[in-house]
Structure formats: C-alpha cells, structure tokens
Amino acid sequence: MLAMLLLCAQPALTETSRVALTLRAVTGLATRQIAALLFTPEATLAQRTSRAKAAIRATGPTVAAPTPSDLPARLHAVRYVLYLTFTAGCTAASG
C-alpha cells in the first residue's frame, strides 16, 4: 500500500492534485468526500483532478518505483494522504 501511495504522489503535480488523485486511486474515496476533507468545493476539486489526470497523460505515467532522491518530493503528500485517510475513516457519516 505504501508503494502505491509513493507511486501516486507524482512530483510534477501540485500538492493538492497529488493528494486528491492519491486519495481517489488508493482509498477509493469519492470526489465529494475528498473535497470535504480538503475544504474545497466539489466542482473545484473535480476540475483540479481532471487537469491533473490530463497532465499525467501528457507526460506519460511512470510505474517505476521512486528513487531515494525522489522520496523527499513525495513524502509530504504521502503523509498528508495517510492523515486524511485516517480522518475520513474516523469521521465517516456512512459506509
């Protein structure tokens, strides 16, 4: 699971986009839930996610494990995703 988190935290994206895409891909949270966690309007988050997906498609996604020199650029987003995942689980109104 940690490897998947590291792979999803693409440094080419803004941190909010990295976090949103990672939450979507790894935890399966809905856009509505991610928007609530990030205190962002759902429409704004949907647009940000669409632009991030387009940026990844344009640059060509890589599935290689990050090198040790790549880790610092990814770790903050990974820690933030872990925190938000815990928060989502503790505050879930349903499911």
PDB file of N, CA and C in Angstrom:
ATOM      1  N   MET A   1       0.827  -1.186   0.000  1.00  0.00           N
ATOM      2  CA  MET A   1       0.000   0.000   0.000  1.00  0.00           C
ATOM      3  C   MET A   1       0.873   1.252   0.000  1.00  0.00           C
ATOM      4  N   LEU A   2       1.950   1.229   0.788  1.00  0.00           N
ATOM      5  CA  LEU A   2       2.847   2.383   0.831  1.00  0.00           C
ATOM      6  C   LEU A   2       3.499   2.611  -0.525  1.00  0.00           C
ATOM      7  N   ALA A   3       3.851   1.540  -1.212  1.00  0.00           N
ATOM      8  CA  ALA A   3       4.435   1.681  -2.551  1.00  0.00           C
ATOM      9  C   ALA A   3       3.444   2.355  -3.498  1.00  0.00           C
ATOM     10  N   MET A   4       2.179   1.997  -3.405  1.00  0.00           N
ATOM     11  CA  MET A   4       1.158   2.604  -4.251  1.00  0.00           C
ATOM     12  C   MET A   4       1.003   4.083  -3.929  1.00  0.00           C
ATOM     13  N   LEU A   5       1.057   4.437  -2.653  1.00  0.00           N
ATOM     14  CA  LEU A   5       0.985   5.839  -2.257  1.00  0.00           C
ATOM     15  C   LEU A   5       2.145   6.629  -2.858  1.00  0.00           C
ATOM     16  N   LEU A   6       3.338   6.057  -2.802  1.00  0.00           N
ATOM     17  CA  LEU A   6       4.512   6.729  -3.356  1.00  0.00           C
ATOM     18  C   LEU A   6       4.414   6.879  -4.865  1.00  0.00           C
ATOM     19  N   LEU A   7       3.877   5.873  -5.534  1.00  0.00           N
ATOM     20  CA  LEU A   7       3.734   5.953  -6.989  1.00  0.00           C
ATOM     21  C   LEU A   7       2.731   7.033  -7.402  1.00  0.00           C
ATOM     22  N   CYS A   8       1.667   7.173  -6.632  1.00  0.00           N
ATOM     23  CA  CYS A   8       0.622   8.139  -6.982  1.00  0.00           C
ATOM     24  C   CYS A   8       1.019   9.577  -6.688  1.00  0.00           C
ATOM     25  N   ALA A   9       1.949   9.785  -5.800  1.00  0.00           N
ATOM     26  CA  ALA A   9       2.342  11.147  -5.412  1.00  0.00           C
ATOM     27  C   ALA A   9       3.329  11.714  -6.431  1.00  0.00           C
ATOM     28  N   GLN A  10       2.853  11.991  -7.621  1.00  0.00           N
ATOM     29  CA  GLN A  10       3.687  12.493  -8.714  1.00  0.00           C
ATOM     30  C   GLN A  10       4.182  13.906  -8.421  1.00  0.00           C
ATOM     31  N   PRO A  11       5.486  14.128  -8.348  1.00  0.00           N
ATOM     32  CA  PRO A  11       6.006  15.458  -8.048  1.00  0.00           C
ATOM     33  C   PRO A  11       5.718  16.496  -9.131  1.00  0.00           C
ATOM     34  N   ALA A  12       5.361  16.071 -10.318  1.00  0.00           N
ATOM     35  CA  ALA A  12       5.067  17.014 -11.405  1.00  0.00           C
ATOM     36  C   ALA A  12       3.754  17.759 -11.170  1.00  0.00           C
ATOM     37  N   LEU A  13       2.927  17.278 -10.258  1.00  0.00           N
ATOM     38  CA  LEU A  13       1.620  17.892  -9.977  1.00  0.00           C
ATOM     39  C   LEU A  13       1.714  18.783  -8.747  1.00  0.00           C
ATOM     40  N   THR A  14       0.735  19.648  -8.597  1.00  0.00           N
ATOM     41  CA  THR A  14       0.663  20.435  -7.367  1.00  0.00           C
ATOM     42  C   THR A  14       0.353  19.487  -6.215  1.00  0.00           C
ATOM     43  N   GLU A  15       0.675  19.915  -5.013  1.00  0.00           N
ATOM     44  CA  GLU A  15       0.459  19.022  -3.873  1.00  0.00           C
ATOM     45  C   GLU A  15      -1.011  18.667  -3.680  1.00  0.00           C
ATOM     46  N   THR A  16      -1.900  19.619  -3.844  1.00  0.00           N
ATOM     47  CA  THR A  16      -3.327  19.335  -3.690  1.00  0.00           C
ATOM     48  C   THR A  16      -3.789  18.326  -4.729  1.00  0.00           C
ATOM     49  N   SER A  17      -3.305  18.453  -5.950  1.00  0.00           N
ATOM     50  CA  SER A  17      -3.670  17.494  -7.001  1.00  0.00           C
ATOM     51  C   SER A  17      -3.118  16.116  -6.684  1.00  0.00           C
ATOM     52  N   ARG A  18      -1.873  16.058  -6.198  1.00  0.00           N
ATOM     53  CA  ARG A  18      -1.279  14.768  -5.811  1.00  0.00           C
ATOM     54  C   ARG A  18      -2.112  14.098  -4.738  1.00  0.00           C
ATOM     55  N   VAL A  19      -2.477  14.870  -3.735  1.00  0.00           N
ATOM     56  CA  VAL A  19      -3.247  14.323  -2.614  1.00  0.00           C
ATOM     57  C   VAL A  19      -4.616  13.847  -3.090  1.00  0.00           C
ATOM     58  N   ALA A  20      -5.293  14.656  -3.885  1.00  0.00           N
ATOM     59  CA  ALA A  20      -6.627  14.286  -4.366  1.00  0.00           C
ATOM     60  C   ALA A  20      -6.580  13.033  -5.232  1.00  0.00           C
ATOM     61  N   LEU A  21      -5.630  12.975  -6.166  1.00  0.00           N
ATOM     62  CA  LEU A  21      -5.523  11.793  -7.028  1.00  0.00           C
ATOM     63  C   LEU A  21      -5.172  10.545  -6.231  1.00  0.00           C
ATOM     64  N   THR A  22      -4.291  10.700  -5.262  1.00  0.00           N
ATOM     65  CA  THR A  22      -3.894   9.553  -4.445  1.00  0.00           C
ATOM     66  C   THR A  22      -5.054   9.058  -3.600  1.00  0.00           C
ATOM     67  N   LEU A  23      -5.795   9.982  -3.008  1.00  0.00           N
ATOM     68  CA  LEU A  23      -6.966   9.570  -2.228  1.00  0.00           C
ATOM     69  C   LEU A  23      -7.971   8.835  -3.099  1.00  0.00           C
ATOM     70  N   ARG A  24      -8.139   9.309  -4.311  1.00  0.00           N
ATOM     71  CA  ARG A  24      -9.093   8.678  -5.232  1.00  0.00           C
ATOM     72  C   ARG A  24      -8.608   7.290  -5.650  1.00  0.00           C
ATOM     73  N   ALA A  25      -7.346   7.198  -6.053  1.00  0.00           N
ATOM     74  CA  ALA A  25      -6.815   5.944  -6.597  1.00  0.00           C
ATOM     75  C   ALA A  25      -6.574   4.886  -5.523  1.00  0.00           C
ATOM     76  N   VAL A  26      -6.054   5.292  -4.389  1.00  0.00           N
ATOM     77  CA  VAL A  26      -5.651   4.313  -3.380  1.00  0.00           C
ATOM     78  C   VAL A  26      -6.766   3.981  -2.415  1.00  0.00           C
ATOM     79  N   THR A  27      -7.497   5.000  -1.953  1.00  0.00           N
ATOM     80  CA  THR A  27      -8.531   4.737  -0.954  1.00  0.00           C
ATOM     81  C   THR A  27      -9.913   4.579  -1.554  1.00  0.00           C
ATOM     82  N   GLY A  28     -10.102   5.073  -2.788  1.00  0.00           N
ATOM     83  CA  GLY A  28     -11.404   4.955  -3.430  1.00  0.00           C
ATOM     84  C   GLY A  28     -12.434   5.942  -2.930  1.00  0.00           C
ATOM     85  N   LEU A  29     -11.994   6.986  -2.243  1.00  0.00           N
ATOM     86  CA  LEU A  29     -12.942   7.992  -1.779  1.00  0.00           C
ATOM     87  C   LEU A  29     -13.563   8.714  -2.969  1.00  0.00           C
ATOM     88  N   ALA A  30     -14.793   9.121  -2.828  1.00  0.00           N
ATOM     89  CA  ALA A  30     -15.498   9.861  -3.877  1.00  0.00           C
ATOM     90  C   ALA A  30     -15.027  11.306  -3.893  1.00  0.00           C
ATOM     91  N   THR A  31     -15.223  11.968  -5.008  1.00  0.00           N
ATOM     92  CA  THR A  31     -14.827  13.369  -5.142  1.00  0.00           C
ATOM     93  C   THR A  31     -15.460  14.215  -4.051  1.00  0.00           C
ATOM     94  N   ARG A  32     -16.705  13.956  -3.735  1.00  0.00           N
ATOM     95  CA  ARG A  32     -17.413  14.691  -2.684  1.00  0.00           C
ATOM     96  C   ARG A  32     -16.696  14.546  -1.339  1.00  0.00           C
ATOM     97  N   GLN A  33     -16.272  13.332  -1.010  1.00  0.00           N
ATOM     98  CA  GLN A  33     -15.587  13.086   0.257  1.00  0.00           C
ATOM     99  C   GLN A  33     -14.212  13.763   0.296  1.00  0.00           C
ATOM    100  N   ILE A  34     -13.481  13.688  -0.815  1.00  0.00           N
ATOM    101  CA  ILE A  34     -12.158  14.305  -0.877  1.00  0.00           C
ATOM    102  C   ILE A  34     -12.288  15.821  -0.764  1.00  0.00           C
ATOM    103  N   ALA A  35     -13.269  16.392  -1.438  1.00  0.00           N
ATOM    104  CA  ALA A  35     -13.495  17.838  -1.366  1.00  0.00           C
ATOM    105  C   ALA A  35     -13.788  18.269   0.068  1.00  0.00           C
ATOM    106  N   ALA A  36     -14.563  17.485   0.782  1.00  0.00           N
ATOM    107  CA  ALA A  36     -14.879  17.808   2.174  1.00  0.00           C
ATOM    108  C   ALA A  36     -13.623  17.743   3.045  1.00  0.00           C
ATOM    109  N   LEU A  37     -12.778  16.742   2.818  1.00  0.00           N
ATOM    110  CA  LEU A  37     -11.542  16.614   3.590  1.00  0.00           C
ATOM    111  C   LEU A  37     -10.585  17.768   3.333  1.00  0.00           C
ATOM    112  N   LEU A  38     -10.567  18.264   2.110  1.00  0.00           N
ATOM    113  CA  LEU A  38      -9.645  19.341   1.733  1.00  0.00           C
ATOM    114  C   LEU A  38     -10.280  20.730   1.846  1.00  0.00           C
ATOM    115  N   PHE A  39     -11.522  20.787   2.339  1.00  0.00           N
ATOM    116  CA  PHE A  39     -12.249  22.052   2.474  1.00  0.00           C
ATOM    117  C   PHE A  39     -12.264  22.824   1.153  1.00  0.00           C
ATOM    118  N   THR A  40     -12.585  22.108   0.095  1.00  0.00           N
ATOM    119  CA  THR A  40     -12.608  22.660  -1.262  1.00  0.00           C
ATOM    120  C   THR A  40     -13.978  22.371  -1.865  1.00  0.00           C
ATOM    121  N   PRO A  41     -14.528  23.301  -2.638  1.00  0.00           N
ATOM    122  CA  PRO A  41     -15.794  22.998  -3.315  1.00  0.00           C
ATOM    123  C   PRO A  41     -15.623  21.789  -4.241  1.00  0.00           C
ATOM    124  N   GLU A  42     -16.652  20.979  -4.305  1.00  0.00           N
ATOM    125  CA  GLU A  42     -16.589  19.753  -5.102  1.00  0.00           C
ATOM    126  C   GLU A  42     -16.270  20.039  -6.569  1.00  0.00           C
ATOM    127  N   ALA A  43     -16.864  21.074  -7.144  1.00  0.00           N
ATOM    128  CA  ALA A  43     -16.610  21.407  -8.547  1.00  0.00           C
ATOM    129  C   ALA A  43     -15.144  21.788  -8.773  1.00  0.00           C
ATOM    130  N   THR A  44     -14.568  22.532  -7.843  1.00  0.00           N
ATOM    131  CA  THR A  44     -13.158  22.929  -7.947  1.00  0.00           C
ATOM    132  C   THR A  44     -12.261  21.700  -7.901  1.00  0.00           C
ATOM    133  N   LEU A  45     -12.557  20.798  -6.980  1.00  0.00           N
ATOM    134  CA  LEU A  45     -11.736  19.595  -6.868  1.00  0.00           C
ATOM    135  C   LEU A  45     -11.878  18.723  -8.111  1.00  0.00           C
ATOM    136  N   ALA A  46     -13.062  18.620  -8.657  1.00  0.00           N
ATOM    137  CA  ALA A  46     -13.274  17.830  -9.870  1.00  0.00           C
ATOM    138  C   ALA A  46     -12.455  18.400 -11.029  1.00  0.00           C
ATOM    139  N   GLN A  47     -12.444  19.728 -11.174  1.00  0.00           N
ATOM    140  CA  GLN A  47     -11.647  20.360 -12.226  1.00  0.00           C
ATOM    141  C   GLN A  47     -10.160  20.122 -12.007  1.00  0.00           C
ATOM    142  N   ARG A  48      -9.714  20.278 -10.770  1.00  0.00           N
ATOM    143  CA  ARG A  48      -8.304  20.076 -10.434  1.00  0.00           C
ATOM    144  C   ARG A  48      -7.883  18.637 -10.736  1.00  0.00           C
ATOM    145  N   THR A  49      -8.743  17.685 -10.400  1.00  0.00           N
ATOM    146  CA  THR A  49      -8.443  16.281 -10.655  1.00  0.00           C
ATOM    147  C   THR A  49      -8.388  15.999 -12.150  1.00  0.00           C
ATOM    148  N   SER A  50      -9.310  16.572 -12.904  1.00  0.00           N
ATOM    149  CA  SER A  50      -9.306  16.378 -14.360  1.00  0.00           C
ATOM    150  C   SER A  50      -8.035  16.940 -14.983  1.00  0.00           C
ATOM    151  N   ARG A  51      -7.622  18.133 -14.543  1.00  0.00           N
ATOM    152  CA  ARG A  51      -6.390  18.728 -15.075  1.00  0.00           C
ATOM    153  C   ARG A  51      -5.159  17.894 -14.694  1.00  0.00           C
ATOM    154  N   ALA A  52      -5.156  17.351 -13.491  1.00  0.00           N
ATOM    155  CA  ALA A  52      -4.029  16.527 -13.053  1.00  0.00           C
ATOM    156  C   ALA A  52      -3.946  15.243 -13.870  1.00  0.00           C
ATOM    157  N   LYS A  53      -5.076  14.620 -14.130  1.00  0.00           N
ATOM    158  CA  LYS A  53      -5.093  13.410 -14.952  1.00  0.00           C
ATOM    159  C   LYS A  53      -4.591  13.712 -16.360  1.00  0.00           C
ATOM    160  N   ALA A  54      -5.010  14.857 -16.905  1.00  0.00           N
ATOM    161  CA  ALA A  54      -4.552  15.254 -18.242  1.00  0.00           C
ATOM    162  C   ALA A  54      -3.045  15.497 -18.247  1.00  0.00           C
ATOM    163  N   ALA A  55      -2.527  16.097 -17.185  1.00  0.00           N
ATOM    164  CA  ALA A  55      -1.085  16.348 -17.103  1.00  0.00           C
ATOM    165  C   ALA A  55      -0.311  15.043 -17.045  1.00  0.00           C
ATOM    166  N   ILE A  56      -0.832  14.069 -16.321  1.00  0.00           N
ATOM    167  CA  ILE A  56      -0.164  12.768 -16.232  1.00  0.00           C
ATOM    168  C   ILE A  56      -0.201  12.072 -17.590  1.00  0.00           C
ATOM    169  N   ARG A  57      -1.346  12.146 -18.276  1.00  0.00           N
ATOM    170  CA  ARG A  57      -1.434  11.546 -19.610  1.00  0.00           C
ATOM    171  C   ARG A  57      -0.455  12.208 -20.575  1.00  0.00           C
ATOM    172  N   ALA A  58      -0.315  13.527 -20.476  1.00  0.00           N
ATOM    173  CA  ALA A  58       0.568  14.271 -21.386  1.00  0.00           C
ATOM    174  C   ALA A  58       2.042  13.941 -21.157  1.00  0.00           C
ATOM    175  N   THR A  59       2.421  13.752 -19.908  1.00  0.00           N
ATOM    176  CA  THR A  59       3.823  13.461 -19.609  1.00  0.00           C
ATOM    177  C   THR A  59       4.132  11.976 -19.675  1.00  0.00           C
ATOM    178  N   GLY A  60       3.109  11.166 -19.714  1.00  0.00           N
ATOM    179  CA  GLY A  60       3.316   9.723 -19.732  1.00  0.00           C
ATOM    180  C   GLY A  60       3.514   9.197 -18.328  1.00  0.00           C
ATOM    181  N   PRO A  61       2.538   8.469 -17.813  1.00  0.00           N
ATOM    182  CA  PRO A  61       2.653   7.968 -16.448  1.00  0.00           C
ATOM    183  C   PRO A  61       3.795   6.964 -16.323  1.00  0.00           C
ATOM    184  N   THR A  62       4.450   7.005 -15.185  1.00  0.00           N
ATOM    185  CA  THR A  62       5.515   6.046 -14.926  1.00  0.00           C
ATOM    186  C   THR A  62       5.107   5.172 -13.751  1.00  0.00           C
ATOM    187  N   VAL A  63       5.418   3.919 -13.853  1.00  0.00           N
ATOM    188  CA  VAL A  63       5.095   2.997 -12.769  1.00  0.00           C
ATOM    189  C   VAL A  63       6.357   2.461 -12.110  1.00  0.00           C
ATOM    190  N   ALA A  64       7.464   3.115 -12.355  1.00  0.00           N
ATOM    191  CA  ALA A  64       8.703   2.723 -11.711  1.00  0.00           C
ATOM    192  C   ALA A  64       8.716   3.256 -10.280  1.00  0.00           C
ATOM    193  N   ALA A  65       9.314   2.485  -9.410  1.00  0.00           N
ATOM    194  CA  ALA A  65       9.423   2.920  -8.015  1.00  0.00           C
ATOM    195  C   ALA A  65      10.292   4.170  -7.942  1.00  0.00           C
ATOM    196  N   PRO A  66       9.935   5.106  -7.073  1.00  0.00           N
ATOM    197  CA  PRO A  66      10.744   6.313  -6.954  1.00  0.00           C
ATOM    198  C   PRO A  66      12.132   5.991  -6.402  1.00  0.00           C
ATOM    199  N   THR A  67      13.105   6.721  -6.881  1.00  0.00           N
ATOM    200  CA  THR A  67      14.471   6.547  -6.387  1.00  0.00           C
ATOM    201  C   THR A  67      14.587   7.250  -5.036  1.00  0.00           C
ATOM    202  N   PRO A  68      15.614   6.928  -4.261  1.00  0.00           N
ATOM    203  CA  PRO A  68      15.780   7.603  -2.968  1.00  0.00           C
ATOM    204  C   PRO A  68      15.833   9.127  -3.085  1.00  0.00           C
ATOM    205  N   SER A  69      16.356   9.638  -4.184  1.00  0.00           N
ATOM    206  CA  SER A  69      16.403  11.095  -4.346  1.00  0.00           C
ATOM    207  C   SER A  69      15.016  11.682  -4.655  1.00  0.00           C
ATOM    208  N   ASP A  70      14.088  10.858  -5.135  1.00  0.00           N
ATOM    209  CA  ASP A  70      12.728  11.313  -5.421  1.00  0.00           C
ATOM    210  C   ASP A  70      11.837  11.343  -4.182  1.00  0.00           C
ATOM    211  N   LEU A  71      12.217  10.599  -3.157  1.00  0.00           N
ATOM    212  CA  LEU A  71      11.349  10.457  -1.988  1.00  0.00           C
ATOM    213  C   LEU A  71      11.013  11.761  -1.275  1.00  0.00           C
ATOM    214  N   PRO A  72      11.971  12.666  -1.047  1.00  0.00           N
ATOM    215  CA  PRO A  72      11.599  13.895  -0.334  1.00  0.00           C
ATOM    216  C   PRO A  72      10.489  14.687  -1.020  1.00  0.00           C
ATOM    217  N   ALA A  73      10.442  14.685  -2.326  1.00  0.00           N
ATOM    218  CA  ALA A  73       9.410  15.424  -3.052  1.00  0.00           C
ATOM    219  C   ALA A  73       8.043  14.768  -2.908  1.00  0.00           C
ATOM    220  N   ARG A  74       8.000  13.507  -2.536  1.00  0.00           N
ATOM    221  CA  ARG A  74       6.740  12.768  -2.454  1.00  0.00           C
ATOM    222  C   ARG A  74       6.248  12.548  -1.028  1.00  0.00           C
ATOM    223  N   LEU A  75       7.145  12.563  -0.052  1.00  0.00           N
ATOM    224  CA  LEU A  75       6.776  12.147   1.298  1.00  0.00           C
ATOM    225  C   LEU A  75       5.738  13.031   1.970  1.00  0.00           C
ATOM    226  N   HIS A  76       5.796  14.334   1.767  1.00  0.00           N
ATOM    227  CA  HIS A  76       4.809  15.191   2.413  1.00  0.00           C
ATOM    228  C   HIS A  76       3.397  14.843   1.938  1.00  0.00           C
ATOM    229  N   ALA A  77       3.235  14.655   0.646  1.00  0.00           N
ATOM    230  CA  ALA A  77       1.919  14.295   0.108  1.00  0.00           C
ATOM    231  C   ALA A  77       1.475  12.935   0.642  1.00  0.00           C
ATOM    232  N   VAL A  78       2.400  11.989   0.743  1.00  0.00           N
ATOM    233  CA  VAL A  78       2.059  10.653   1.250  1.00  0.00           C
ATOM    234  C   VAL A  78       1.615  10.746   2.704  1.00  0.00           C
ATOM    235  N   ARG A  79       2.330  11.503   3.508  1.00  0.00           N
ATOM    236  CA  ARG A  79       1.937  11.658   4.918  1.00  0.00           C
ATOM    237  C   ARG A  79       0.573  12.332   5.032  1.00  0.00           C
ATOM    238  N   TYR A  80       0.332  13.315   4.194  1.00  0.00           N
ATOM    239  CA  TYR A  80      -0.948  14.020   4.210  1.00  0.00           C
ATOM    240  C   TYR A  80      -2.094  13.085   3.820  1.00  0.00           C
ATOM    241  N   VAL A  81      -1.860  12.239   2.820  1.00  0.00           N
ATOM    242  CA  VAL A  81      -2.876  11.262   2.404  1.00  0.00           C
ATOM    243  C   VAL A  81      -3.165  10.287   3.541  1.00  0.00           C
ATOM    244  N   LEU A  82      -2.139   9.813   4.221  1.00  0.00           N
ATOM    245  CA  LEU A  82      -2.355   8.897   5.350  1.00  0.00           C
ATOM    246  C   LEU A  82      -3.179   9.568   6.445  1.00  0.00           C
ATOM    247  N   TYR A  83      -2.865  10.818   6.741  1.00  0.00           N
ATOM    248  CA  TYR A  83      -3.623  11.562   7.742  1.00  0.00           C
ATOM    249  C   TYR A  83      -5.083  11.727   7.326  1.00  0.00           C
ATOM    250  N   LEU A  84      -5.308  12.118   6.074  1.00  0.00           N
ATOM    251  CA  LEU A  84      -6.676  12.322   5.596  1.00  0.00           C
ATOM    252  C   LEU A  84      -7.451  11.009   5.526  1.00  0.00           C
ATOM    253  N   THR A  85      -6.779   9.918   5.199  1.00  0.00           N
ATOM    254  CA  THR A  85      -7.431   8.608   5.174  1.00  0.00           C
ATOM    255  C   THR A  85      -7.908   8.239   6.578  1.00  0.00           C
ATOM    256  N   PHE A  86      -7.056   8.451   7.569  1.00  0.00           N
ATOM    257  CA  PHE A  86      -7.438   8.198   8.955  1.00  0.00           C
ATOM    258  C   PHE A  86      -8.612   9.086   9.352  1.00  0.00           C
ATOM    259  N   THR A  87      -8.535  10.381   9.001  1.00  0.00           N
ATOM    260  CA  THR A  87      -9.602  11.320   9.324  1.00  0.00           C
ATOM    261  C   THR A  87     -10.916  10.903   8.676  1.00  0.00           C
ATOM    262  N   ALA A  88     -10.854  10.502   7.408  1.00  0.00           N
ATOM    263  CA  ALA A  88     -12.069  10.074   6.697  1.00  0.00           C
ATOM    264  C   ALA A  88     -12.689   8.861   7.381  1.00  0.00           C
ATOM    265  N   GLY A  89     -11.864   7.941   7.838  1.00  0.00           N
ATOM    266  CA  GLY A  89     -12.373   6.755   8.499  1.00  0.00           C
ATOM    267  C   GLY A  89     -12.998   7.049   9.849  1.00  0.00           C
ATOM    268  N   CYS A  90     -12.435   8.025  10.554  1.00  0.00           N
ATOM    269  CA  CYS A  90     -12.952   8.365  11.890  1.00  0.00           C
ATOM    270  C   CYS A  90     -14.197   9.232  11.828  1.00  0.00           C
ATOM    271  N   THR A  91     -14.347   9.976  10.759  1.00  0.00           N
ATOM    272  CA  THR A  91     -15.479  10.911  10.692  1.00  0.00           C
ATOM    273  C   THR A  91     -16.541  10.496   9.683  1.00  0.00           C
ATOM    274  N   ALA A  92     -16.464   9.278   9.192  1.00  0.00           N
ATOM    275  CA  ALA A  92     -17.404   8.825   8.152  1.00  0.00           C
ATOM    276  C   ALA A  92     -18.837   8.864   8.681  1.00  0.00           C
ATOM    277  N   ALA A  93     -19.687   9.499   7.908  1.00  0.00           N
ATOM    278  CA  ALA A  93     -21.104   9.549   8.259  1.00  0.00           C
ATOM    279  C   ALA A  93     -21.820   8.285   7.791  1.00  0.00           C
ATOM    280  N   SER A  94     -21.232   7.600   6.819  1.00  0.00           N
ATOM    281  CA  SER A  94     -21.818   6.363   6.314  1.00  0.00           C
ATOM    282  C   SER A  94     -20.702   5.503   5.753  1.00  0.00           C
ATOM    283  N   GLY A  95     -20.979   4.200   5.586  1.00  0.00           N
ATOM    284  CA  GLY A  95     -20.040   3.312   4.933  1.00  0.00           C
ATOM    285  C   GLY A  95     -18.949   2.773   5.791  1.00  0.00           C
TER     286      GLY A  95
END
